[in-house]
């Protein structure tokens, strides 16, 4: 029995094509008829046909396993476990989840010690741990704390209340997060983000300090998602680098996050390069739109399309075309007609300024 399981995709690339159980059963039946030189049809419950169906079932399972393997032998289709092995082979580590940290303001009697490893709990059950012994002075203590759960779940806004898990004499039972909030909790890198970095590494091999090298290096830092570089930023031998963290709110990095990227770049850059790492300046695009029909669902769809378009096309110092704004509005589900009163020309950002979705005024 000769069976071809090779098909081609739209690019003419040969790939594995798993036959159906029905097709395998038919092939085996035909092969049996040929080899046994049967002159008539097999009986309905022929032993030969039963054996053929059993063989077809076993073959179908094997083809299923081959189909699975065919997906894992290439990194662009591999599932999570095999993708991480591929990334490891290419020297790319999956970004782990990180623990959020911040400062908690707690009040109580002067001189009372709040020990290191004291536990606090948020209303939803997320726990935090103090990082050092802290003494109450002038009725207040500023306690450095860290979430016990990794990822963005451990982050908290300023003013959020945290309660002592176990009471301490002379200390109020709860405190509030200070104005800086609890930040820095990055979720584990998503599988598709890792795949994207791996494919970038394969398609753009290191070139001793080329633009793409700096992009890959910066993306190795947890939380970094998009990166832009500027050769000759301050003259020969210099380079500017800016980035965003799309999984954070806001996406613009703070001083400590910029320093984290700068420190990593410093450890891998060519010795003669002088690199300036900085945060982009947000440059919101505000819209004035009238739409027909005008419903909450259509407004939401338009906002989503505009946000997605800006995300795809925005770069520091770049241009968002007016025609693309109109296109994004037009493809929103339910939109029949619209008028875009603002902006009325292409949106051009200065160097170092990143276009972002602003507010929409509906007419």
Protein backbone atom coordinates (compact mmCIF):
# COMPACT_ATOMS: atom_id res chain seq x y z
CA UNK A 1 0.00 0.00 0.00
CA UNK A 2 1.52 3.32 -1.09
CA UNK A 3 0.31 6.32 0.90
CA UNK A 4 1.44 9.91 0.52
CA UNK A 5 1.00 12.08 3.59
CA UNK A 6 2.88 15.05 2.19
CA UNK A 7 0.98 18.18 1.22
CA UNK A 8 2.10 21.67 0.30
CA UNK A 9 1.03 24.99 1.80
CA UNK A 10 0.35 28.24 -0.06
CA UNK A 11 4.09 28.85 -0.36
CA UNK A 12 4.74 25.45 -1.91
CA UNK A 13 6.35 24.16 1.29
CA UNK A 14 6.00 20.41 1.78
CA UNK A 15 4.35 19.55 5.08
CA UNK A 16 2.75 16.62 6.88
CA UNK A 17 -0.94 16.03 6.15
CA UNK A 18 -2.75 13.65 8.50
CA UNK A 19 -5.24 11.38 6.67
CA UNK A 20 -8.64 10.75 8.22
CA UNK A 21 -9.63 7.40 9.75
CA UNK A 22 -12.12 6.95 6.90
CA UNK A 23 -9.38 7.45 4.29
CA UNK A 24 -6.98 5.04 6.03
CA UNK A 25 -9.68 2.39 6.31
CA UNK A 26 -10.46 2.75 2.61
CA UNK A 27 -6.82 2.46 1.64
CA UNK A 28 -6.35 -0.70 3.71
CA UNK A 29 -9.53 -2.25 2.29
CA UNK A 30 -8.37 -1.53 -1.26
CA UNK A 31 -4.93 -2.93 -0.52
CA UNK A 32 -6.41 -6.12 0.95
CA UNK A 33 -8.65 -6.61 -2.06
CA UNK A 34 -5.68 -6.18 -4.39
CA UNK A 35 -3.31 -8.47 -2.52
CA UNK A 36 -5.90 -11.21 -1.90
CA UNK A 37 -7.05 -11.04 -5.53
CA UNK A 38 -10.65 -10.97 -4.35
CA UNK A 39 -13.08 -11.46 -7.23
CA UNK A 40 -16.09 -10.09 -5.38
CA UNK A 41 -16.98 -7.84 -2.50
CA UNK A 42 -16.01 -8.93 1.00
CA UNK A 43 -18.76 -10.17 3.24
CA UNK A 44 -20.15 -7.42 5.48
CA UNK A 45 -18.71 -8.99 8.65
CA UNK A 46 -15.67 -10.55 7.05
CA UNK A 47 -12.78 -11.26 9.42
CA UNK A 48 -10.49 -9.61 6.89
CA UNK A 49 -12.47 -6.35 7.08
CA UNK A 50 -12.45 -6.43 10.88
CA UNK A 51 -8.68 -6.85 10.88
CA UNK A 52 -8.45 -4.02 8.34
CA UNK A 53 -10.45 -1.68 10.59
CA UNK A 54 -8.25 -2.56 13.57
CA UNK A 55 -5.14 -1.79 11.53
CA UNK A 56 -6.72 1.46 10.33
CA UNK A 57 -7.38 2.52 13.93
CA UNK A 58 -3.80 1.80 14.96
CA UNK A 59 -2.47 3.60 11.89
CA UNK A 60 -4.70 6.60 12.63
CA UNK A 61 -3.25 6.87 16.14
CA UNK A 62 0.29 6.72 14.75
CA UNK A 63 -0.55 9.39 12.20
CA UNK A 64 -1.89 11.53 15.05
CA UNK A 65 1.40 11.22 16.89
CA UNK A 66 3.31 12.04 13.70
CA UNK A 67 1.08 15.08 13.25
CA UNK A 68 1.92 16.22 16.77
CA UNK A 69 5.64 15.69 16.20
CA UNK A 70 5.49 17.62 12.92
CA UNK A 71 4.31 20.66 14.91
CA UNK A 72 7.11 20.43 17.47
CA UNK A 73 10.05 20.15 15.07
CA UNK A 74 9.64 23.81 14.11
CA UNK A 75 9.62 26.64 16.68
CA UNK A 76 6.89 28.63 14.93
CA UNK A 77 4.32 25.88 15.64
CA UNK A 78 5.71 24.17 18.77
CA UNK A 79 3.57 24.09 21.92
CA UNK A 80 4.75 25.67 25.17
CA UNK A 81 6.99 22.88 26.53
CA UNK A 82 8.77 22.26 23.22
CA UNK A 83 8.98 25.98 22.45
CA UNK A 84 10.82 26.55 25.73
CA UNK A 85 13.29 23.80 24.75
CA UNK A 86 13.81 25.47 21.39
CA UNK A 87 14.38 28.81 23.13
CA UNK A 88 16.89 27.20 25.48
CA UNK A 89 18.84 25.78 22.54
CA UNK A 90 19.11 29.29 21.10
CA UNK A 91 20.15 30.73 24.45
CA UNK A 92 16.87 32.55 25.14
CA UNK A 93 15.42 32.30 28.62
CA UNK A 94 11.73 32.71 29.31
CA UNK A 95 11.14 35.83 31.38
CA UNK A 96 9.98 34.74 34.85
CA UNK A 97 7.25 36.40 36.86
CA UNK A 98 8.58 39.02 39.27
CA UNK A 99 7.38 40.10 42.71
CA UNK A 100 5.80 43.53 43.19
CA UNK A 101 7.13 45.75 45.94
CA UNK A 102 6.43 49.10 47.54
CA UNK A 103 6.01 51.00 50.79
CA UNK A 104 3.23 50.63 53.37
CA UNK A 105 2.45 53.45 55.82
CA UNK A 106 1.47 52.12 59.23
CA UNK A 107 0.65 54.08 62.39
CA UNK A 108 1.08 53.19 66.04
CA UNK A 109 2.95 53.96 69.25
CA UNK A 110 6.46 55.42 69.06
CA UNK A 111 9.27 52.92 69.47
CA UNK A 112 7.27 49.83 68.55
CA UNK A 113 9.26 47.48 66.31
CA UNK A 114 7.62 45.88 63.29
CA UNK A 115 9.84 42.86 62.57
CA UNK A 116 11.10 41.72 59.20
CA UNK A 117 8.86 39.06 57.58
CA UNK A 118 5.70 40.54 59.15
CA UNK A 119 2.74 39.53 56.99
CA UNK A 120 0.03 41.84 55.66
CA UNK A 121 -3.04 40.85 53.66
CA UNK A 122 -5.14 42.66 51.08
CA UNK A 123 -8.94 42.40 51.01
CA UNK A 124 -8.78 39.82 48.20
CA UNK A 125 -6.36 37.59 50.11
CA UNK A 126 -3.06 38.60 48.47
CA UNK A 127 -0.33 38.60 51.11
CA UNK A 128 2.73 40.84 51.51
CA UNK A 129 5.85 40.54 53.64
CA UNK A 130 7.95 43.26 55.26
CA UNK A 131 11.55 43.31 54.04
CA UNK A 132 13.31 44.73 57.11
CA UNK A 133 12.84 45.59 60.79
CA UNK A 134 11.08 48.97 61.02
CA UNK A 135 10.49 51.12 64.10
CA UNK A 136 7.57 53.52 64.46
CA UNK A 137 8.83 57.12 64.72
CA UNK A 138 6.53 60.11 65.28
CA UNK A 139 3.58 57.75 65.16
CA UNK A 140 4.31 56.44 61.66
CA UNK A 141 6.38 53.71 60.05
CA UNK A 142 7.18 53.38 56.36
CA UNK A 143 7.59 49.67 55.76
CA UNK A 144 9.18 48.19 52.66
CA UNK A 145 7.00 45.26 51.58
CA UNK A 146 6.97 42.68 48.82
CA UNK A 147 4.12 40.55 47.49
CA UNK A 148 4.31 36.83 48.21
CA UNK A 149 2.62 36.05 44.90
CA UNK A 150 4.56 36.77 41.72
CA UNK A 151 3.10 38.73 38.84
CA UNK A 152 0.79 41.68 38.32
CA UNK A 153 -1.69 40.29 40.86
CA UNK A 154 0.60 41.57 43.62
CA UNK A 155 0.52 45.18 42.42
CA UNK A 156 -1.63 47.71 44.28
CA UNK A 157 -2.66 51.33 43.75
CA UNK A 158 -1.78 54.10 46.21
CA UNK A 159 -4.15 54.20 49.16
CA UNK A 160 -5.03 50.51 49.10
CA UNK A 161 -5.47 49.18 52.63
CA UNK A 162 -3.42 46.23 53.90
CA UNK A 163 -4.16 44.58 57.25
CA UNK A 164 -1.78 42.88 59.66
CA UNK A 165 -2.22 39.13 59.45
CA UNK A 166 -1.28 38.82 63.15
CA UNK A 167 -1.83 41.74 65.58
CA UNK A 168 1.17 43.61 67.02
CA UNK A 169 0.69 45.43 70.33
CA UNK A 170 0.83 49.20 69.89
CA UNK A 171 0.32 49.07 66.11
CA UNK A 172 -2.89 49.85 64.26
CA UNK A 173 -4.34 46.80 62.56
CA UNK A 174 -4.02 48.16 59.01
CA UNK A 175 -2.05 50.60 56.91
CA UNK A 176 -2.21 52.11 53.43
CA UNK A 177 0.04 51.85 50.39
CA UNK A 178 1.99 55.09 49.86
CA UNK A 179 1.79 57.36 46.82
CA UNK A 180 4.19 55.31 44.69
CA UNK A 181 1.96 52.23 44.88
CA UNK A 182 3.11 48.63 44.84
CA UNK A 183 4.69 48.06 41.44
CA UNK A 184 7.11 45.88 39.52
CA UNK A 185 5.03 42.70 39.44
CA UNK A 186 5.48 41.24 35.97
CA UNK A 187 3.60 38.14 34.86
CA UNK A 188 5.51 35.22 33.38
CA UNK A 189 6.27 35.83 29.72
CA UNK A 190 3.43 34.66 27.48
CA UNK A 191 4.15 31.77 25.13
CA UNK A 192 3.59 33.88 22.00
CA UNK A 193 5.90 36.61 23.28
CA UNK A 194 8.64 34.02 23.81
CA UNK A 195 7.99 32.64 20.34
CA UNK A 196 8.31 36.13 18.88
CA UNK A 197 11.67 36.71 20.59
CA UNK A 198 12.95 33.32 19.45
CA UNK A 199 11.95 33.94 15.84
CA UNK A 200 13.60 37.38 16.00
CA UNK A 201 16.78 35.73 17.27
CA UNK A 202 16.73 33.17 14.45
CA UNK A 203 15.87 35.64 11.70
CA UNK A 204 18.10 38.44 12.99
CA UNK A 205 21.34 36.79 14.21
CA UNK A 206 23.70 38.87 16.38
CA UNK A 207 25.93 41.18 14.37
CA UNK A 208 28.24 42.57 17.03
CA UNK A 209 26.10 45.52 18.05
CA UNK A 210 23.65 46.07 15.18
CA UNK A 211 20.33 47.82 15.84
CA UNK A 212 18.52 44.49 16.13
CA UNK A 213 20.99 43.27 18.76
CA UNK A 214 20.01 46.11 21.09
CA UNK A 215 16.32 45.40 20.51
CA UNK A 216 16.80 41.73 21.43
CA UNK A 217 18.90 42.62 24.48
CA UNK A 218 16.31 45.09 25.79
CA UNK A 219 13.48 42.61 25.23
CA UNK A 220 15.34 40.12 27.43
CA UNK A 221 14.48 42.29 30.46
CA UNK A 222 11.20 41.23 32.15
CA UNK A 223 8.28 43.45 31.19
CA UNK A 224 9.83 45.01 28.07
CA UNK A 225 7.69 44.48 24.96
CA UNK A 226 8.53 47.07 22.29
CA UNK A 227 11.91 48.71 21.69
CA UNK A 228 13.25 51.40 19.35
CA UNK A 229 16.87 52.36 18.76
CA UNK A 230 18.51 55.50 17.34
CA UNK A 231 22.03 55.10 15.87
CA UNK A 232 24.36 58.10 16.21
CA UNK A 233 22.03 59.46 18.89
CA UNK A 234 24.67 61.81 20.34
CA UNK A 235 27.24 61.48 17.59
CA UNK A 236 29.59 58.71 16.38
CA UNK A 237 29.80 55.68 18.66
CA UNK A 238 26.52 56.49 20.45
CA UNK A 239 23.08 54.96 20.39
CA UNK A 240 19.73 55.92 21.92
CA UNK A 241 17.26 53.29 23.08
CA UNK A 242 13.70 53.68 24.28
CA UNK A 243 11.05 51.11 25.13
CA UNK A 244 7.60 50.47 26.56
CA UNK A 245 5.99 47.84 28.78
CA UNK A 246 2.64 47.07 27.14
CA UNK A 247 1.47 44.80 29.94
CA UNK A 248 1.79 47.60 32.52
CA UNK A 249 -0.49 50.56 33.14
CA UNK A 250 0.88 53.00 32.20
CA UNK A 251 3.06 51.44 29.52
CA UNK A 252 5.71 54.16 29.85
CA UNK A 253 8.57 52.87 32.07
CA UNK A 254 9.50 54.65 35.28
CA UNK A 255 13.01 55.62 36.38
CA UNK A 256 13.82 52.28 38.00
CA UNK A 257 12.59 50.32 34.97
CA UNK A 258 14.70 52.47 32.64
CA UNK A 259 17.72 51.87 34.88
CA UNK A 260 17.09 48.11 34.85
CA UNK A 261 17.28 48.05 31.05
CA UNK A 262 20.30 50.37 31.03
CA UNK A 263 22.14 48.09 33.47
CA UNK A 264 21.47 45.02 31.33
CA UNK A 265 22.50 46.76 28.10
CA UNK A 266 25.68 47.87 29.85
CA UNK A 267 26.53 44.24 30.61
CA UNK A 268 26.23 43.04 26.98
CA UNK A 269 27.00 46.02 24.73
CA UNK A 270 30.20 46.30 22.66
CA UNK A 271 32.93 48.00 24.69
CA UNK A 272 33.14 51.01 22.37
CA UNK A 273 29.42 51.83 22.34
CA UNK A 274 27.89 54.58 24.46
CA UNK A 275 24.20 53.87 25.00
CA UNK A 276 21.54 56.26 26.30
CA UNK A 277 18.40 54.51 27.56
CA UNK A 278 15.34 56.69 28.12
CA UNK A 279 11.57 56.48 28.45
CA UNK A 280 9.47 57.81 25.56
CA UNK A 281 7.22 60.80 26.19
CA UNK A 282 3.53 59.89 25.72
CA UNK A 283 1.90 61.83 22.90
CA UNK A 284 -1.88 61.17 23.05
CA UNK A 285 -4.02 61.47 19.93
CA UNK A 286 -7.43 62.97 20.74
CA UNK A 287 -10.30 62.36 18.33
CA UNK A 288 -13.53 64.19 17.50
CA UNK A 289 -15.91 61.83 15.69
CA UNK A 290 -19.51 61.65 14.59
CA UNK A 291 -20.75 58.20 13.63
CA UNK A 292 -23.85 56.59 12.17
CA UNK A 293 -25.48 54.65 13.65
CA UNK A 294 -24.44 56.06 17.00
CA UNK A 295 -24.70 53.33 19.67
CA UNK A 296 -22.56 52.45 22.71
CA UNK A 297 -21.47 49.18 21.07
CA UNK A 298 -20.30 50.93 17.89
CA UNK A 299 -18.47 53.59 19.90
CA UNK A 300 -16.68 50.85 21.83
CA UNK A 301 -15.78 49.05 18.60
CA UNK A 302 -14.37 52.25 17.06
CA UNK A 303 -12.28 52.98 20.14
CA UNK A 304 -10.91 49.41 20.08
CA UNK A 305 -9.99 49.64 16.38
CA UNK A 306 -8.26 52.99 16.82
CA UNK A 307 -6.35 51.72 19.86
CA UNK A 308 -5.21 48.63 17.95
CA UNK A 309 -4.15 50.67 14.91
CA UNK A 310 -2.11 53.08 17.03
CA UNK A 311 -0.47 50.16 18.86
CA UNK A 312 0.58 48.57 15.56
CA UNK A 313 1.85 51.71 13.87
CA UNK A 314 3.13 53.93 16.67
CA UNK A 315 6.83 54.57 17.09
CA UNK A 316 8.66 57.46 18.76
CA UNK A 317 8.97 60.32 16.32
CA UNK A 318 6.69 58.51 13.87
CA UNK A 319 3.58 59.41 11.90
CA UNK A 320 0.04 58.08 12.20
CA UNK A 321 -1.61 58.62 8.83
CA UNK A 322 -5.02 60.29 8.67
CA UNK A 323 -6.14 57.72 6.11
CA UNK A 324 -5.34 54.93 8.57
CA UNK A 325 -7.40 56.64 11.27
CA UNK A 326 -10.39 56.76 8.92
CA UNK A 327 -9.79 53.16 7.89
CA UNK A 328 -9.76 52.01 11.54
CA UNK A 329 -13.07 53.75 12.16
CA UNK A 330 -14.61 52.32 8.99
CA UNK A 331 -13.79 48.71 9.81
CA UNK A 332 -15.36 48.92 13.28
CA UNK A 333 -18.22 46.47 13.55
CA UNK A 334 -21.58 48.12 12.87
CA UNK A 335 -20.20 51.41 11.49
CA UNK A 336 -21.99 52.61 8.35
CA UNK A 337 -20.73 56.18 8.03
CA UNK A 338 -18.64 58.62 10.03
CA UNK A 339 -17.00 62.04 10.00
CA UNK A 340 -13.59 62.58 11.60
CA UNK A 341 -13.31 66.24 12.61
CA UNK A 342 -10.06 65.87 14.54
CA UNK A 343 -7.32 65.18 13.79
CA UNK A 344 -7.74 66.58 10.27
CA UNK A 345 -4.12 65.93 9.17
CA UNK A 346 -1.54 63.19 9.74
CA UNK A 347 -0.42 63.01 13.38
CA UNK A 348 3.36 63.56 13.54
CA UNK A 349 5.19 63.04 16.84
CA UNK A 350 8.49 64.72 17.71
CA UNK A 351 11.56 62.54 18.22
CA UNK A 352 11.25 60.61 21.48
CA UNK A 353 7.48 61.12 21.68
CA UNK A 354 5.29 58.02 21.33
CA UNK A 355 1.77 58.33 19.87
CA UNK A 356 -0.86 56.87 22.18
CA UNK A 357 -4.63 56.57 22.21
CA UNK A 358 -6.14 59.70 23.74
CA UNK A 359 -9.78 60.60 24.33
CA UNK A 360 -12.69 60.58 21.88
CA UNK A 361 -15.21 63.42 21.76
CA UNK A 362 -18.43 62.16 20.18
CA UNK A 363 -20.57 64.59 18.22
